[in-house]
Amino acid sequence: MKAILLAAGRGTRISRIIKEIPKSTLPVDGTPLIRRSVTMLLDRNIKPIVCVGYCKEKIYEALEGLDVEYYYNPFYDVTNSIASLWFARKELTEDTIILNADVYFTNEILDTIISEKKDVSLMVDKSRTKIGDFFLKTENGYIIKYGKELPIEERSCEYVGIGKIRKSFIKEFKDKLNCLVSSQQHQLWWENILYSLIEDRAIDTIDVNGKFWSEIDYFDDYERILSYISKNDKKELYNIS
């Protein structure tokens, strides 16, 4: 199994505060977030592939000494994650987890998506429908609508920023990836590959089931992560379950 971490973007909403470092390199319990994620993958014998762009040297520095394959998107400032994934397309040969590198997730969340057997699935949080970044409407667990501005009454869950493509779905996925990129749709997210297929095939969802996660879009998100870690450190210190 492989994992492609998308770390090329600038992160415009938070970059005004953190200045000239990729948000995926922000320290989490003393370790850059992306190093934590890559280490978790390596511990499970999953090959990490990292798509870089903005301040790529900072990513290399954060991952120094780890066995990582890199792909550079030279157009990171004018494209979105679909372009970064396209540069790493030759790696799409087997079961592959695709994730935004600025997502903090627990071991339980990672193990859940590793064990998922559906052809294609996105991780979601059913408990978050009022406040969030990107929402999905599902029916029997399958995506039927999506969007940042999805009306609140249509929201079933928030998208977590992690998906999985099984080997059986790779050819169809790559064909659509190539089609969208060749038609100059460089501003799309990689997930738009899946959204473009919902009329013809089932795109499944996996609920995080109450487990903690956070994607760093704003500094408040980063502070949520630090607060979660602090609380859990205290629980371990005092042996509180």
Protein backbone atom coordinates (compact mmCIF):
# COMPACT_ATOMS: atom_id res chain seq x y z
CA MET A 1 0.00 0.00 0.00
CA LYS A 2 1.07 3.58 -0.70
CA ALA A 3 0.07 6.97 0.66
CA ILE A 4 0.26 10.23 -1.26
CA LEU A 5 0.50 13.31 0.95
CA LEU A 6 -0.43 16.55 -0.80
CA ALA A 7 1.84 19.26 0.61
CA ALA A 8 2.36 21.66 -2.31
CA GLY A 9 -0.12 24.41 -1.46
CA ARG A 10 0.61 27.71 0.22
CA GLY A 11 -2.38 27.68 2.59
CA THR A 12 -3.40 31.28 1.97
CA ARG A 13 -5.80 31.52 4.91
CA ILE A 14 -3.15 30.76 7.53
CA SER A 15 0.01 31.90 5.70
CA ARG A 16 -0.49 35.50 6.81
CA ILE A 17 0.11 34.34 10.39
CA ILE A 18 2.74 31.61 10.11
CA LYS A 19 4.81 33.25 7.31
CA GLU A 20 6.94 31.33 4.83
CA ILE A 21 6.58 27.82 6.19
CA PRO A 22 4.18 25.16 4.90
CA LYS A 23 1.40 24.63 7.43
CA SER A 24 2.09 20.88 7.35
CA THR A 25 5.44 21.58 9.05
CA LEU A 26 3.91 23.25 12.10
CA PRO A 27 5.14 21.48 15.25
CA VAL A 28 2.79 19.05 16.95
CA ASP A 29 4.07 17.84 20.32
CA GLY A 30 7.58 18.80 19.23
CA THR A 31 7.42 17.13 15.81
CA PRO A 32 6.43 18.64 12.44
CA LEU A 33 2.90 17.49 11.61
CA ILE A 34 3.93 15.97 8.29
CA ARG A 35 6.79 14.04 9.93
CA ARG A 36 4.33 12.63 12.45
CA SER A 37 2.03 11.48 9.62
CA VAL A 38 4.83 9.98 7.53
CA THR A 39 6.25 8.14 10.55
CA MET A 40 2.80 6.66 11.28
CA LEU A 41 2.65 5.41 7.68
CA LEU A 42 6.17 3.96 7.74
CA ASP A 43 5.38 2.18 11.01
CA ARG A 44 2.62 0.37 9.08
CA ASN A 45 4.86 -0.47 6.10
CA ILE A 46 3.05 1.99 3.84
CA LYS A 47 5.19 3.77 1.25
CA PRO A 48 4.90 7.58 1.68
CA ILE A 49 4.92 9.80 -1.40
CA VAL A 50 4.93 13.56 -0.81
CA CYS A 51 3.88 16.15 -3.39
CA VAL A 52 5.72 19.40 -2.71
CA GLY A 53 5.64 22.95 -4.07
CA TYR A 54 5.55 25.98 -1.77
CA CYS A 55 8.70 26.20 0.40
CA LYS A 56 9.60 22.64 -0.55
CA GLU A 57 12.95 22.86 1.26
CA LYS A 58 11.06 23.20 4.55
CA ILE A 59 9.25 19.93 3.79
CA TYR A 60 12.54 18.19 2.98
CA GLU A 61 13.97 19.49 6.24
CA ALA A 62 10.96 18.30 8.24
CA LEU A 63 11.25 14.81 6.74
CA GLU A 64 15.03 14.51 6.80
CA GLY A 65 16.22 10.93 7.32
CA LEU A 66 12.89 9.30 6.42
CA ASP A 67 12.36 7.05 3.40
CA VAL A 68 10.12 9.29 1.30
CA GLU A 69 9.53 9.70 -2.45
CA TYR A 70 9.01 13.30 -3.61
CA TYR A 71 7.22 14.88 -6.57
CA TYR A 72 7.42 18.60 -7.27
CA ASN A 73 4.56 20.67 -8.66
CA PRO A 74 6.29 23.73 -10.19
CA PHE A 75 2.91 25.36 -10.78
CA TYR A 76 1.76 25.11 -7.15
CA ASP A 77 0.94 28.82 -7.01
CA VAL A 78 -1.58 28.67 -9.89
CA THR A 79 -2.95 25.12 -9.59
CA ASN A 80 -4.70 23.01 -6.99
CA SER A 81 -4.23 19.51 -5.59
CA ILE A 82 -5.35 17.74 -8.78
CA ALA A 83 -2.22 19.04 -10.50
CA SER A 84 0.04 17.92 -7.66
CA LEU A 85 -1.49 14.45 -7.81
CA TRP A 86 -1.01 14.39 -11.58
CA PHE A 87 2.74 14.88 -11.15
CA ALA A 88 2.78 11.77 -8.93
CA ARG A 89 0.43 9.75 -11.16
CA LYS A 90 2.94 7.01 -11.93
CA GLU A 91 2.74 6.01 -8.25
CA LEU A 92 -0.94 5.06 -8.66
CA THR A 93 -0.38 1.34 -9.09
CA GLU A 94 -1.89 -0.27 -5.98
CA ASP A 95 -4.13 0.48 -2.99
CA THR A 96 -3.40 4.13 -2.20
CA ILE A 97 -4.38 6.50 0.60
CA ILE A 98 -4.52 10.12 -0.57
CA LEU A 99 -4.48 12.81 2.08
CA ASN A 100 -3.96 16.49 2.61
CA ALA A 101 -0.69 16.85 4.49
CA ASP A 102 -2.12 19.42 6.89
CA VAL A 103 -4.56 16.95 8.47
CA TYR A 104 -3.95 15.76 12.03
CA PHE A 105 -5.44 12.30 12.57
CA THR A 106 -5.28 9.62 15.24
CA ASN A 107 -3.85 6.13 14.90
CA GLU A 108 -7.41 4.79 15.00
CA ILE A 109 -8.46 6.91 12.02
CA LEU A 110 -5.45 5.74 10.01
CA ASP A 111 -6.07 2.09 10.86
CA THR A 112 -9.73 2.47 9.88
CA ILE A 113 -8.94 3.68 6.38
CA ILE A 114 -6.15 1.15 5.93
CA SER A 115 -8.61 -1.69 6.58
CA GLU A 116 -11.36 -0.26 4.32
CA LYS A 117 -12.28 -2.73 1.54
CA LYS A 118 -14.51 -0.58 -0.70
CA ASP A 119 -13.15 0.39 -4.14
CA VAL A 120 -13.13 4.07 -3.24
CA SER A 121 -14.01 5.98 -0.09
CA LEU A 122 -13.60 9.33 1.65
CA MET A 123 -13.34 9.82 5.40
CA VAL A 124 -16.02 12.05 6.91
CA ASP A 125 -17.22 13.32 10.27
CA LYS A 126 -20.98 12.94 10.69
CA SER A 127 -20.90 14.96 13.90
CA ARG A 128 -19.88 18.14 12.06
CA THR A 129 -22.52 19.70 9.83
CA LYS A 130 -22.91 23.26 11.13
CA ILE A 131 -19.35 24.55 11.27
CA GLY A 132 -16.63 23.31 8.95
CA ASP A 133 -14.87 23.71 5.61
CA PHE A 134 -16.34 21.27 3.07
CA PHE A 135 -19.55 19.31 3.39
CA LEU A 136 -21.10 16.25 1.78
CA LYS A 137 -24.64 15.04 1.45
CA THR A 138 -24.85 11.26 1.54
CA GLU A 139 -27.52 8.66 0.97
CA ASN A 140 -26.95 5.19 2.41
CA GLY A 141 -23.33 6.26 2.96
CA TYR A 142 -22.72 7.30 -0.65
CA ILE A 143 -22.00 10.85 -1.80
CA ILE A 144 -24.80 12.54 -3.76
CA LYS A 145 -23.93 16.24 -3.24
CA TYR A 146 -20.89 18.22 -2.12
CA GLY A 147 -19.61 21.74 -1.59
CA LYS A 148 -18.30 24.43 0.74
CA GLU A 149 -21.62 26.26 0.46
CA LEU A 150 -23.89 23.22 0.69
CA PRO A 151 -27.09 24.35 2.49
CA ILE A 152 -27.03 23.30 6.13
CA GLU A 153 -30.22 21.23 5.78
CA GLU A 154 -28.51 19.11 3.10
CA ARG A 155 -25.29 18.43 4.99
CA SER A 156 -24.72 14.88 6.20
CA CYS A 157 -21.09 15.28 7.26
CA GLU A 158 -17.86 17.23 6.90
CA TYR A 159 -15.08 15.86 4.71
CA VAL A 160 -11.94 15.04 6.71
CA GLY A 161 -9.32 15.38 3.96
CA ILE A 162 -8.38 11.70 3.59
CA GLY A 163 -9.45 9.17 0.97
CA LYS A 164 -8.53 5.74 -0.28
CA ILE A 165 -8.42 4.27 -3.78
CA ARG A 166 -8.24 0.49 -4.14
CA LYS A 167 -6.22 -1.12 -6.93
CA SER A 168 -9.44 -2.26 -8.61
CA PHE A 169 -10.41 1.41 -9.10
CA ILE A 170 -7.00 2.79 -10.11
CA LYS A 171 -7.44 2.65 -13.90
CA GLU A 172 -10.79 4.45 -13.84
CA PHE A 173 -9.38 6.99 -11.39
CA LYS A 174 -6.25 7.69 -13.46
CA ASP A 175 -8.25 7.98 -16.67
CA LYS A 176 -10.46 10.65 -15.11
CA LEU A 177 -7.42 12.40 -13.57
CA ASN A 178 -5.74 12.61 -16.98
CA CYS A 179 -8.98 13.74 -18.63
CA LEU A 180 -9.53 16.61 -16.20
CA VAL A 181 -5.91 17.80 -16.30
CA SER A 182 -5.70 17.59 -20.10
CA SER A 183 -8.83 19.76 -20.32
CA GLN A 184 -7.00 22.45 -18.31
CA GLN A 185 -9.02 22.01 -15.11
CA HIS A 186 -5.98 22.65 -12.95
CA GLN A 187 -7.88 24.56 -10.27
CA LEU A 188 -9.78 21.51 -9.07
CA TRP A 189 -9.09 19.55 -5.90
CA TRP A 190 -8.10 15.92 -6.37
CA GLU A 191 -11.43 14.91 -4.82
CA ASN A 192 -13.21 16.42 -7.85
CA ILE A 193 -12.11 13.30 -9.71
CA LEU A 194 -14.45 11.34 -7.46
CA TYR A 195 -17.22 13.95 -7.41
CA SER A 196 -17.29 13.88 -11.22
CA LEU A 197 -18.14 10.17 -11.06
CA ILE A 198 -21.00 10.17 -8.54
CA GLU A 199 -23.67 9.90 -11.25
CA ASP A 200 -22.14 6.66 -12.53
CA ARG A 201 -20.63 4.91 -9.54
CA ALA A 202 -20.93 4.76 -5.77
CA ILE A 203 -18.39 6.88 -3.89
CA ASP A 204 -18.48 5.60 -0.33
CA THR A 205 -17.81 7.41 2.96
CA ILE A 206 -16.27 6.25 6.23
CA ASP A 207 -17.23 8.03 9.45
CA VAL A 208 -14.44 8.84 11.92
CA ASN A 209 -16.94 7.81 14.58
CA GLY A 210 -16.09 10.45 17.15
CA LYS A 211 -12.32 10.23 16.86
CA PHE A 212 -10.37 13.50 16.88
CA TRP A 213 -9.05 15.04 13.69
CA SER A 214 -8.36 18.54 12.38
CA GLU A 215 -7.29 20.04 9.08
CA ILE A 216 -5.26 23.22 9.51
CA ASP A 217 -7.02 25.93 7.52
CA TYR A 218 -6.93 28.60 10.22
CA PHE A 219 -4.73 29.16 13.26
CA ASP A 220 -7.71 28.20 15.43
CA ASP A 221 -7.51 24.71 13.89
CA TYR A 222 -3.87 24.43 14.92
CA GLU A 223 -4.74 25.54 18.45
CA ARG A 224 -7.46 22.84 18.58
CA ILE A 225 -4.81 20.23 17.85
CA LEU A 226 -2.47 21.56 20.53
CA SER A 227 -5.34 21.63 23.04
CA TYR A 228 -6.29 18.03 22.21
CA ILE A 229 -2.70 16.84 22.66
CA SER A 230 -2.36 18.71 25.95
CA LYS A 231 -5.53 17.15 27.35
CA ASN A 232 -4.50 13.66 26.27
CA ASP A 233 -1.02 14.08 27.73
CA LYS A 234 -2.64 14.89 31.07
CA LYS A 235 -4.91 11.84 30.80
CA GLU A 236 -1.87 9.62 30.25
CA LEU A 237 0.01 11.31 33.10
CA TYR A 238 -2.83 10.71 35.57
CA ASN A 239 -3.94 7.42 33.97
CA ILE A 240 -7.42 8.74 33.12
CA SER A 241 -9.35 6.83 30.47
